[in-house]
Amino acid sequence: MNKTELVAAMAEQAGLSRKDAEKALKAFTDVVSEELQKGGKVQLVGFGTFEVSQRAAREGRNPQTGEVMPIAASRAPKFKAGKALKDLINA
């Protein structure tokens, strides 16, 4: 499912226009992105949690030359599915 299909499904399920559903999806992604950028987390009970994980600095290798190169520490977004979502998928 791509973004257009998601917006159409959301509009149909919620009884909204596609334009309103697209606004709602954009607002959701913006709010989650801003919270993760601040280092916080967004917890939706039953669905899951969006949070930021820390990746330590490490050494990697250039696959072409085998040369050792440093990889800087970074932060990455992470989603952990909630119990209700896992149960729904496995049912």
PDB file of N, CA and C in Angstrom:
ATOM      1  N   MET A   1       0.856  -1.181   0.000  1.00  0.00           N
ATOM      2  CA  MET A   1       0.000   0.000   0.000  1.00  0.00           C
ATOM      3  C   MET A   1       0.894   1.235   0.000  1.00  0.00           C
ATOM      4  N   ASN A   2       0.655   2.135  -0.929  1.00  0.00           N
ATOM      5  CA  ASN A   2       1.413   3.378  -0.958  1.00  0.00           C
ATOM      6  C   ASN A   2       0.609   4.503  -0.303  1.00  0.00           C
ATOM      7  N   LYS A   3       1.161   5.712  -0.293  1.00  0.00           N
ATOM      8  CA  LYS A   3       0.519   6.826   0.405  1.00  0.00           C
ATOM      9  C   LYS A   3      -0.862   7.148  -0.173  1.00  0.00           C
ATOM     10  N   THR A   4      -0.983   7.146  -1.489  1.00  0.00           N
ATOM     11  CA  THR A   4      -2.269   7.453  -2.123  1.00  0.00           C
ATOM     12  C   THR A   4      -3.334   6.439  -1.732  1.00  0.00           C
ATOM     13  N   GLU A   5      -2.964   5.164  -1.732  1.00  0.00           N
ATOM     14  CA  GLU A   5      -3.906   4.115  -1.338  1.00  0.00           C
ATOM     15  C   GLU A   5      -4.261   4.227   0.143  1.00  0.00           C
ATOM     16  N   LEU A   6      -3.287   4.585   0.977  1.00  0.00           N
ATOM     17  CA  LEU A   6      -3.544   4.766   2.398  1.00  0.00           C
ATOM     18  C   LEU A   6      -4.515   5.917   2.636  1.00  0.00           C
ATOM     19  N   VAL A   7      -4.302   7.031   1.965  1.00  0.00           N
ATOM     20  CA  VAL A   7      -5.197   8.188   2.101  1.00  0.00           C
ATOM     21  C   VAL A   7      -6.609   7.808   1.668  1.00  0.00           C
ATOM     22  N   ALA A   8      -6.743   7.086   0.566  1.00  0.00           N
ATOM     23  CA  ALA A   8      -8.062   6.673   0.082  1.00  0.00           C
ATOM     24  C   ALA A   8      -8.746   5.746   1.087  1.00  0.00           C
ATOM     25  N   ALA A   9      -8.007   4.802   1.657  1.00  0.00           N
ATOM     26  CA  ALA A   9      -8.582   3.879   2.640  1.00  0.00           C
ATOM     27  C   ALA A   9      -8.980   4.615   3.915  1.00  0.00           C
ATOM     28  N   MET A  10      -8.145   5.558   4.352  1.00  0.00           N
ATOM     29  CA  MET A  10      -8.472   6.345   5.550  1.00  0.00           C
ATOM     30  C   MET A  10      -9.734   7.181   5.316  1.00  0.00           C
ATOM     31  N   ALA A  11      -9.845   7.790   4.139  1.00  0.00           N
ATOM     32  CA  ALA A  11     -11.004   8.617   3.806  1.00  0.00           C
ATOM     33  C   ALA A  11     -12.278   7.783   3.814  1.00  0.00           C
ATOM     34  N   GLU A  12     -12.189   6.599   3.224  1.00  0.00           N
ATOM     35  CA  GLU A  12     -13.366   5.729   3.170  1.00  0.00           C
ATOM     36  C   GLU A  12     -13.772   5.246   4.561  1.00  0.00           C
ATOM     37  N   GLN A  13     -12.801   4.809   5.350  1.00  0.00           N
ATOM     38  CA  GLN A  13     -13.086   4.262   6.681  1.00  0.00           C
ATOM     39  C   GLN A  13     -13.629   5.325   7.637  1.00  0.00           C
ATOM     40  N   ALA A  14     -13.091   6.551   7.556  1.00  0.00           N
ATOM     41  CA  ALA A  14     -13.491   7.603   8.490  1.00  0.00           C
ATOM     42  C   ALA A  14     -14.625   8.472   7.950  1.00  0.00           C
ATOM     43  N   GLY A  15     -15.014   8.250   6.701  1.00  0.00           N
ATOM     44  CA  GLY A  15     -16.084   9.061   6.121  1.00  0.00           C
ATOM     45  C   GLY A  15     -15.636  10.490   5.867  1.00  0.00           C
ATOM     46  N   LEU A  16     -14.373  10.665   5.505  1.00  0.00           N
ATOM     47  CA  LEU A  16     -13.814  11.987   5.220  1.00  0.00           C
ATOM     48  C   LEU A  16     -13.562  12.130   3.725  1.00  0.00           C
ATOM     49  N   SER A  17     -13.323  13.366   3.315  1.00  0.00           N
ATOM     50  CA  SER A  17     -12.888  13.562   1.937  1.00  0.00           C
ATOM     51  C   SER A  17     -11.419  13.150   1.857  1.00  0.00           C
ATOM     52  N   ARG A  18     -10.963  12.870   0.655  1.00  0.00           N
ATOM     53  CA  ARG A  18      -9.553  12.492   0.496  1.00  0.00           C
ATOM     54  C   ARG A  18      -8.640  13.630   0.936  1.00  0.00           C
ATOM     55  N   LYS A  19      -9.056  14.850   0.686  1.00  0.00           N
ATOM     56  CA  LYS A  19      -8.248  16.015   1.063  1.00  0.00           C
ATOM     57  C   LYS A  19      -8.093  16.085   2.588  1.00  0.00           C
ATOM     58  N   ASP A  20      -9.199  15.858   3.323  1.00  0.00           N
ATOM     59  CA  ASP A  20      -9.141  15.880   4.785  1.00  0.00           C
ATOM     60  C   ASP A  20      -8.310  14.718   5.327  1.00  0.00           C
ATOM     61  N   ALA A  21      -8.446  13.547   4.710  1.00  0.00           N
ATOM     62  CA  ALA A  21      -7.666  12.389   5.140  1.00  0.00           C
ATOM     63  C   ALA A  21      -6.175  12.629   4.899  1.00  0.00           C
ATOM     64  N   GLU A  22      -5.847  13.274   3.784  1.00  0.00           N
ATOM     65  CA  GLU A  22      -4.445  13.573   3.499  1.00  0.00           C
ATOM     66  C   GLU A  22      -3.897  14.585   4.500  1.00  0.00           C
ATOM     67  N   LYS A  23      -4.704  15.576   4.882  1.00  0.00           N
ATOM     68  CA  LYS A  23      -4.296  16.546   5.903  1.00  0.00           C
ATOM     69  C   LYS A  23      -4.047  15.852   7.237  1.00  0.00           C
ATOM     70  N   ALA A  24      -4.925  14.917   7.598  1.00  0.00           N
ATOM     71  CA  ALA A  24      -4.786  14.189   8.865  1.00  0.00           C
ATOM     72  C   ALA A  24      -3.513  13.339   8.857  1.00  0.00           C
ATOM     73  N   LEU A  25      -3.238  12.657   7.759  1.00  0.00           N
ATOM     74  CA  LEU A  25      -2.031  11.843   7.658  1.00  0.00           C
ATOM     75  C   LEU A  25      -0.779  12.717   7.727  1.00  0.00           C
ATOM     76  N   LYS A  26      -0.796  13.851   7.034  1.00  0.00           N
ATOM     77  CA  LYS A  26       0.343  14.778   7.063  1.00  0.00           C
ATOM     78  C   LYS A  26       0.563  15.308   8.476  1.00  0.00           C
ATOM     79  N   ALA A  27      -0.518  15.663   9.168  1.00  0.00           N
ATOM     80  CA  ALA A  27      -0.399  16.163  10.540  1.00  0.00           C
ATOM     81  C   ALA A  27       0.183  15.083  11.450  1.00  0.00           C
ATOM     82  N   PHE A  28      -0.268  13.843  11.294  1.00  0.00           N
ATOM     83  CA  PHE A  28       0.242  12.737  12.105  1.00  0.00           C
ATOM     84  C   PHE A  28       1.739  12.543  11.889  1.00  0.00           C
ATOM     85  N   THR A  29       2.159  12.474  10.627  1.00  0.00           N
ATOM     86  CA  THR A  29       3.577  12.254  10.347  1.00  0.00           C
ATOM     87  C   THR A  29       4.434  13.430  10.808  1.00  0.00           C
ATOM     88  N   ASP A  30       3.913  14.656  10.684  1.00  0.00           N
ATOM     89  CA  ASP A  30       4.658  15.831  11.144  1.00  0.00           C
ATOM     90  C   ASP A  30       4.842  15.820  12.652  1.00  0.00           C
ATOM     91  N   VAL A  31       3.781  15.508  13.388  1.00  0.00           N
ATOM     92  CA  VAL A  31       3.851  15.487  14.852  1.00  0.00           C
ATOM     93  C   VAL A  31       4.806  14.400  15.333  1.00  0.00           C
ATOM     94  N   VAL A  32       4.718  13.209  14.751  1.00  0.00           N
ATOM     95  CA  VAL A  32       5.612  12.111  15.141  1.00  0.00           C
ATOM     96  C   VAL A  32       7.059  12.477  14.819  1.00  0.00           C
ATOM     97  N   SER A  33       7.295  13.043  13.645  1.00  0.00           N
ATOM     98  CA  SER A  33       8.652  13.426  13.245  1.00  0.00           C
ATOM     99  C   SER A  33       9.244  14.477  14.181  1.00  0.00           C
ATOM    100  N   GLU A  34       8.444  15.480  14.532  1.00  0.00           N
ATOM    101  CA  GLU A  34       8.920  16.537  15.432  1.00  0.00           C
ATOM    102  C   GLU A  34       9.257  15.978  16.808  1.00  0.00           C
ATOM    103  N   GLU A  35       8.423  15.081  17.315  1.00  0.00           N
ATOM    104  CA  GLU A  35       8.668  14.501  18.634  1.00  0.00           C
ATOM    105  C   GLU A  35       9.930  13.647  18.632  1.00  0.00           C
ATOM    106  N   LEU A  36      10.126  12.857  17.578  1.00  0.00           N
ATOM    107  CA  LEU A  36      11.330  12.031  17.484  1.00  0.00           C
ATOM    108  C   LEU A  36      12.580  12.895  17.324  1.00  0.00           C
ATOM    109  N   GLN A  37      12.447  14.000  16.604  1.00  0.00           N
ATOM    110  CA  GLN A  37      13.576  14.900  16.426  1.00  0.00           C
ATOM    111  C   GLN A  37      14.027  15.478  17.768  1.00  0.00           C
ATOM    112  N   LYS A  38      13.074  15.704  18.679  1.00  0.00           N
ATOM    113  CA  LYS A  38      13.395  16.211  20.015  1.00  0.00           C
ATOM    114  C   LYS A  38      13.930  15.117  20.927  1.00  0.00           C
ATOM    115  N   GLY A  39      13.911  13.866  20.465  1.00  0.00           N
ATOM    116  CA  GLY A  39      14.406  12.750  21.265  1.00  0.00           C
ATOM    117  C   GLY A  39      13.325  12.075  22.080  1.00  0.00           C
ATOM    118  N   GLY A  40      12.070  12.475  21.906  1.00  0.00           N
ATOM    119  CA  GLY A  40      10.958  11.885  22.649  1.00  0.00           C
ATOM    120  C   GLY A  40      10.449  10.621  21.988  1.00  0.00           C
ATOM    121  N   LYS A  41       9.297  10.149  22.461  1.00  0.00           N
ATOM    122  CA  LYS A  41       8.678   8.983  21.849  1.00  0.00           C
ATOM    123  C   LYS A  41       7.175   9.184  21.795  1.00  0.00           C
ATOM    124  N   VAL A  42       6.540   8.505  20.861  1.00  0.00           N
ATOM    125  CA  VAL A  42       5.090   8.567  20.693  1.00  0.00           C
ATOM    126  C   VAL A  42       4.564   7.168  20.923  1.00  0.00           C
ATOM    127  N   GLN A  43       3.713   7.020  21.943  1.00  0.00           N
ATOM    128  CA  GLN A  43       3.192   5.704  22.306  1.00  0.00           C
ATOM    129  C   GLN A  43       1.700   5.663  22.027  1.00  0.00           C
ATOM    130  N   LEU A  44       1.288   4.758  21.153  1.00  0.00           N
ATOM    131  CA  LEU A  44      -0.115   4.542  20.825  1.00  0.00           C
ATOM    132  C   LEU A  44      -0.495   3.180  21.390  1.00  0.00           C
ATOM    133  N   VAL A  45      -1.175   3.170  22.514  1.00  0.00           N
ATOM    134  CA  VAL A  45      -1.506   1.931  23.214  1.00  0.00           C
ATOM    135  C   VAL A  45      -2.280   1.004  22.288  1.00  0.00           C
ATOM    136  N   GLY A  46      -1.824  -0.231  22.206  1.00  0.00           N
ATOM    137  CA  GLY A  46      -2.458  -1.228  21.358  1.00  0.00           C
ATOM    138  C   GLY A  46      -1.889  -1.263  19.950  1.00  0.00           C
ATOM    139  N   PHE A  47      -1.284  -0.179  19.500  1.00  0.00           N
ATOM    140  CA  PHE A  47      -0.714  -0.136  18.153  1.00  0.00           C
ATOM    141  C   PHE A  47       0.799  -0.279  18.194  1.00  0.00           C
ATOM    142  N   GLY A  48       1.468   0.628  18.914  1.00  0.00           N
ATOM    143  CA  GLY A  48       2.918   0.534  19.010  1.00  0.00           C
ATOM    144  C   GLY A  48       3.547   1.825  19.466  1.00  0.00           C
ATOM    145  N   THR A  49       4.870   1.842  19.471  1.00  0.00           N
ATOM    146  CA  THR A  49       5.631   2.985  19.959  1.00  0.00           C
ATOM    147  C   THR A  49       6.673   3.391  18.920  1.00  0.00           C
ATOM    148  N   PHE A  50       6.696   4.674  18.623  1.00  0.00           N
ATOM    149  CA  PHE A  50       7.735   5.262  17.778  1.00  0.00           C
ATOM    150  C   PHE A  50       8.751   5.881  18.723  1.00  0.00           C
ATOM    151  N   GLU A  51      10.034   5.546  18.572  1.00  0.00           N
ATOM    152  CA  GLU A  51      11.061   6.118  19.428  1.00  0.00           C
ATOM    153  C   GLU A  51      12.371   6.229  18.668  1.00  0.00           C
ATOM    154  N   VAL A  52      13.367   6.829  19.329  1.00  0.00           N
ATOM    155  CA  VAL A  52      14.673   7.031  18.722  1.00  0.00           C
ATOM    156  C   VAL A  52      15.667   6.091  19.381  1.00  0.00           C
ATOM    157  N   SER A  53      16.464   5.390  18.572  1.00  0.00           N
ATOM    158  CA  SER A  53      17.506   4.531  19.143  1.00  0.00           C
ATOM    159  C   SER A  53      18.864   5.166  18.839  1.00  0.00           C
ATOM    160  N   GLN A  54      19.792   4.976  19.753  1.00  0.00           N
ATOM    161  CA  GLN A  54      21.140   5.510  19.611  1.00  0.00           C
ATOM    162  C   GLN A  54      22.034   4.440  18.997  1.00  0.00           C
ATOM    163  N   ARG A  55      22.803   4.818  18.017  1.00  0.00           N
ATOM    164  CA  ARG A  55      23.778   3.903  17.417  1.00  0.00           C
ATOM    165  C   ARG A  55      25.167   4.414  17.763  1.00  0.00           C
ATOM    166  N   ALA A  56      25.967   3.582  18.367  1.00  0.00           N
ATOM    167  CA  ALA A  56      27.312   3.968  18.778  1.00  0.00           C
ATOM    168  C   ALA A  56      28.234   4.092  17.565  1.00  0.00           C
ATOM    169  N   ALA A  57      29.289   4.874  17.736  1.00  0.00           N
ATOM    170  CA  ALA A  57      30.304   4.971  16.689  1.00  0.00           C
ATOM    171  C   ALA A  57      31.019   3.629  16.585  1.00  0.00           C
ATOM    172  N   ARG A  58      31.424   3.288  15.374  1.00  0.00           N
ATOM    173  CA  ARG A  58      32.093   2.010  15.187  1.00  0.00           C
ATOM    174  C   ARG A  58      32.989   2.090  13.957  1.00  0.00           C
ATOM    175  N   GLU A  59      33.749   1.055  13.745  1.00  0.00           N
ATOM    176  CA  GLU A  59      34.595   0.986  12.562  1.00  0.00           C
ATOM    177  C   GLU A  59      33.963   0.043  11.542  1.00  0.00           C
ATOM    178  N   GLY A  60      33.958   0.475  10.304  1.00  0.00           N
ATOM    179  CA  GLY A  60      33.450  -0.358   9.223  1.00  0.00           C
ATOM    180  C   GLY A  60      34.539  -0.569   8.191  1.00  0.00           C
ATOM    181  N   ARG A  61      34.197  -1.280   7.142  1.00  0.00           N
ATOM    182  CA  ARG A  61      35.175  -1.521   6.076  1.00  0.00           C
ATOM    183  C   ARG A  61      34.564  -1.133   4.733  1.00  0.00           C
ATOM    184  N   ASN A  62      35.389  -0.528   3.902  1.00  0.00           N
ATOM    185  CA  ASN A  62      34.999  -0.227   2.536  1.00  0.00           C
ATOM    186  C   ASN A  62      34.983  -1.564   1.794  1.00  0.00           C
ATOM    187  N   PRO A  63      33.841  -1.987   1.260  1.00  0.00           N
ATOM    188  CA  PRO A  63      33.770  -3.300   0.625  1.00  0.00           C
ATOM    189  C   PRO A  63      34.650  -3.449  -0.622  1.00  0.00           C
ATOM    190  N   GLN A  64      34.959  -2.342  -1.285  1.00  0.00           N
ATOM    191  CA  GLN A  64      35.780  -2.435  -2.500  1.00  0.00           C
ATOM    192  C   GLN A  64      37.260  -2.578  -2.182  1.00  0.00           C
ATOM    193  N   THR A  65      37.712  -1.823  -1.165  1.00  0.00           N
ATOM    194  CA  THR A  65      39.147  -1.819  -0.873  1.00  0.00           C
ATOM    195  C   THR A  65      39.510  -2.568   0.396  1.00  0.00           C
ATOM    196  N   GLY A  66      38.538  -2.812   1.256  1.00  0.00           N
ATOM    197  CA  GLY A  66      38.818  -3.456   2.534  1.00  0.00           C
ATOM    198  C   GLY A  66      39.397  -2.494   3.552  1.00  0.00           C
ATOM    199  N   GLU A  67      39.507  -1.217   3.187  1.00  0.00           N
ATOM    200  CA  GLU A  67      40.069  -0.200   4.065  1.00  0.00           C
ATOM    201  C   GLU A  67      39.138   0.053   5.258  1.00  0.00           C
ATOM    202  N   VAL A  68      39.727   0.147   6.460  1.00  0.00           N
ATOM    203  CA  VAL A  68      38.960   0.439   7.668  1.00  0.00           C
ATOM    204  C   VAL A  68      38.579   1.911   7.656  1.00  0.00           C
ATOM    205  N   MET A  69      37.302   2.192   7.961  1.00  0.00           N
ATOM    206  CA  MET A  69      36.851   3.580   7.986  1.00  0.00           C
ATOM    207  C   MET A  69      35.919   3.780   9.172  1.00  0.00           C
ATOM    208  N   PRO A  70      35.959   4.956   9.787  1.00  0.00           N
ATOM    209  CA  PRO A  70      35.093   5.200  10.939  1.00  0.00           C
ATOM    210  C   PRO A  70      33.654   5.474  10.504  1.00  0.00           C
ATOM    211  N   ILE A  71      32.709   4.974  11.293  1.00  0.00           N
ATOM    212  CA  ILE A  71      31.294   5.267  11.089  1.00  0.00           C
ATOM    213  C   ILE A  71      30.856   6.042  12.322  1.00  0.00           C
ATOM    214  N   ALA A  72      30.365   7.250  12.120  1.00  0.00           N
ATOM    215  CA  ALA A  72      30.007   8.134  13.228  1.00  0.00           C
ATOM    216  C   ALA A  72      28.776   7.627  13.977  1.00  0.00           C
ATOM    217  N   ALA A  73      28.666   8.027  15.237  1.00  0.00           N
ATOM    218  CA  ALA A  73      27.481   7.717  16.034  1.00  0.00           C
ATOM    219  C   ALA A  73      26.284   8.423  15.402  1.00  0.00           C
ATOM    220  N   SER A  74      25.111   7.838  15.528  1.00  0.00           N
ATOM    221  CA  SER A  74      23.911   8.438  14.942  1.00  0.00           C
ATOM    222  C   SER A  74      22.673   8.022  15.725  1.00  0.00           C
ATOM    223  N   ARG A  75      21.580   8.684  15.398  1.00  0.00           N
ATOM    224  CA  ARG A  75      20.284   8.329  15.974  1.00  0.00           C
ATOM    225  C   ARG A  75      19.404   7.835  14.834  1.00  0.00           C
ATOM    226  N   ALA A  76      18.563   6.839  15.122  1.00  0.00           N
ATOM    227  CA  ALA A  76      17.699   6.271  14.086  1.00  0.00           C
ATOM    228  C   ALA A  76      16.290   6.091  14.638  1.00  0.00           C
ATOM    229  N   PRO A  77      15.269   6.359  13.822  1.00  0.00           N
ATOM    230  CA  PRO A  77      13.901   6.117  14.268  1.00  0.00           C
ATOM    231  C   PRO A  77      13.641   4.615  14.362  1.00  0.00           C
ATOM    232  N   LYS A  78      12.770   4.250  15.304  1.00  0.00           N
ATOM    233  CA  LYS A  78      12.474   2.831  15.529  1.00  0.00           C
ATOM    234  C   LYS A  78      10.989   2.706  15.859  1.00  0.00           C
ATOM    235  N   PHE A  79      10.354   1.654  15.371  1.00  0.00           N
ATOM    236  CA  PHE A  79       8.953   1.375  15.700  1.00  0.00           C
ATOM    237  C   PHE A  79       8.882   0.010  16.358  1.00  0.00           C
ATOM    238  N   LYS A  80       8.218  -0.042  17.491  1.00  0.00           N
ATOM    239  CA  LYS A  80       8.021  -1.316  18.183  1.00  0.00           C
ATOM    240  C   LYS A  80       6.516  -1.575  18.239  1.00  0.00           C
ATOM    241  N   ALA A  81       6.082  -2.660  17.628  1.00  0.00           N
ATOM    242  CA  ALA A  81       4.662  -2.993  17.565  1.00  0.00           C
ATOM    243  C   ALA A  81       4.117  -3.334  18.947  1.00  0.00           C
ATOM    244  N   GLY A  82       2.879  -2.929  19.209  1.00  0.00           N
ATOM    245  CA  GLY A  82       2.211  -3.231  20.476  1.00  0.00           C
ATOM    246  C   GLY A  82       1.612  -4.622  20.461  1.00  0.00           C
ATOM    247  N   LYS A  83       1.224  -5.082  21.630  1.00  0.00           N
ATOM    248  CA  LYS A  83       0.676  -6.441  21.785  1.00  0.00           C
ATOM    249  C   LYS A  83      -0.576  -6.648  20.947  1.00  0.00           C
ATOM    250  N   ALA A  84      -1.498  -5.690  20.957  1.00  0.00           N
ATOM    251  CA  ALA A  84      -2.748  -5.842  20.211  1.00  0.00           C
ATOM    252  C   ALA A  84      -2.482  -5.984  18.704  1.00  0.00           C
ATOM    253  N   LEU A  85      -1.539  -5.216  18.187  1.00  0.00           N
ATOM    254  CA  LEU A  85      -1.201  -5.300  16.762  1.00  0.00           C
ATOM    255  C   LEU A  85      -0.550  -6.639  16.443  1.00  0.00           C
ATOM    256  N   LYS A  86       0.339  -7.100  17.307  1.00  0.00           N
ATOM    257  CA  LYS A  86       0.975  -8.407  17.101  1.00  0.00           C
ATOM    258  C   LYS A  86      -0.060  -9.521  17.127  1.00  0.00           C
ATOM    259  N   ASP A  87      -0.989  -9.459  18.097  1.00  0.00           N
ATOM    260  CA  ASP A  87      -2.029 -10.477  18.194  1.00  0.00           C
ATOM    261  C   ASP A  87      -2.941 -10.484  16.959  1.00  0.00           C
ATOM    262  N   LEU A  88      -3.268  -9.303  16.453  1.00  0.00           N
ATOM    263  CA  LEU A  88      -4.122  -9.178  15.266  1.00  0.00           C
ATOM    264  C   LEU A  88      -3.439  -9.806  14.055  1.00  0.00           C
ATOM    265  N   ILE A  89      -2.159  -9.552  13.893  1.00  0.00           N
ATOM    266  CA  ILE A  89      -1.416 -10.093  12.756  1.00  0.00           C
ATOM    267  C   ILE A  89      -1.273 -11.610  12.836  1.00  0.00           C
ATOM    268  N   ASN A  90      -1.080 -12.113  14.044  1.00  0.00           N
ATOM    269  CA  ASN A  90      -0.866 -13.552  14.237  1.00  0.00           C
ATOM    270  C   ASN A  90      -2.153 -14.367  14.376  1.00  0.00           C
ATOM    271  N   ALA A  91      -3.301 -13.702  14.355  1.00  0.00           N
ATOM    272  CA  ALA A  91      -4.572 -14.410  14.539  1.00  0.00           C
ATOM    273  C   ALA A  91      -4.974 -15.140  13.266  1.00  0.00           C
TER     274      ALA A  91
END
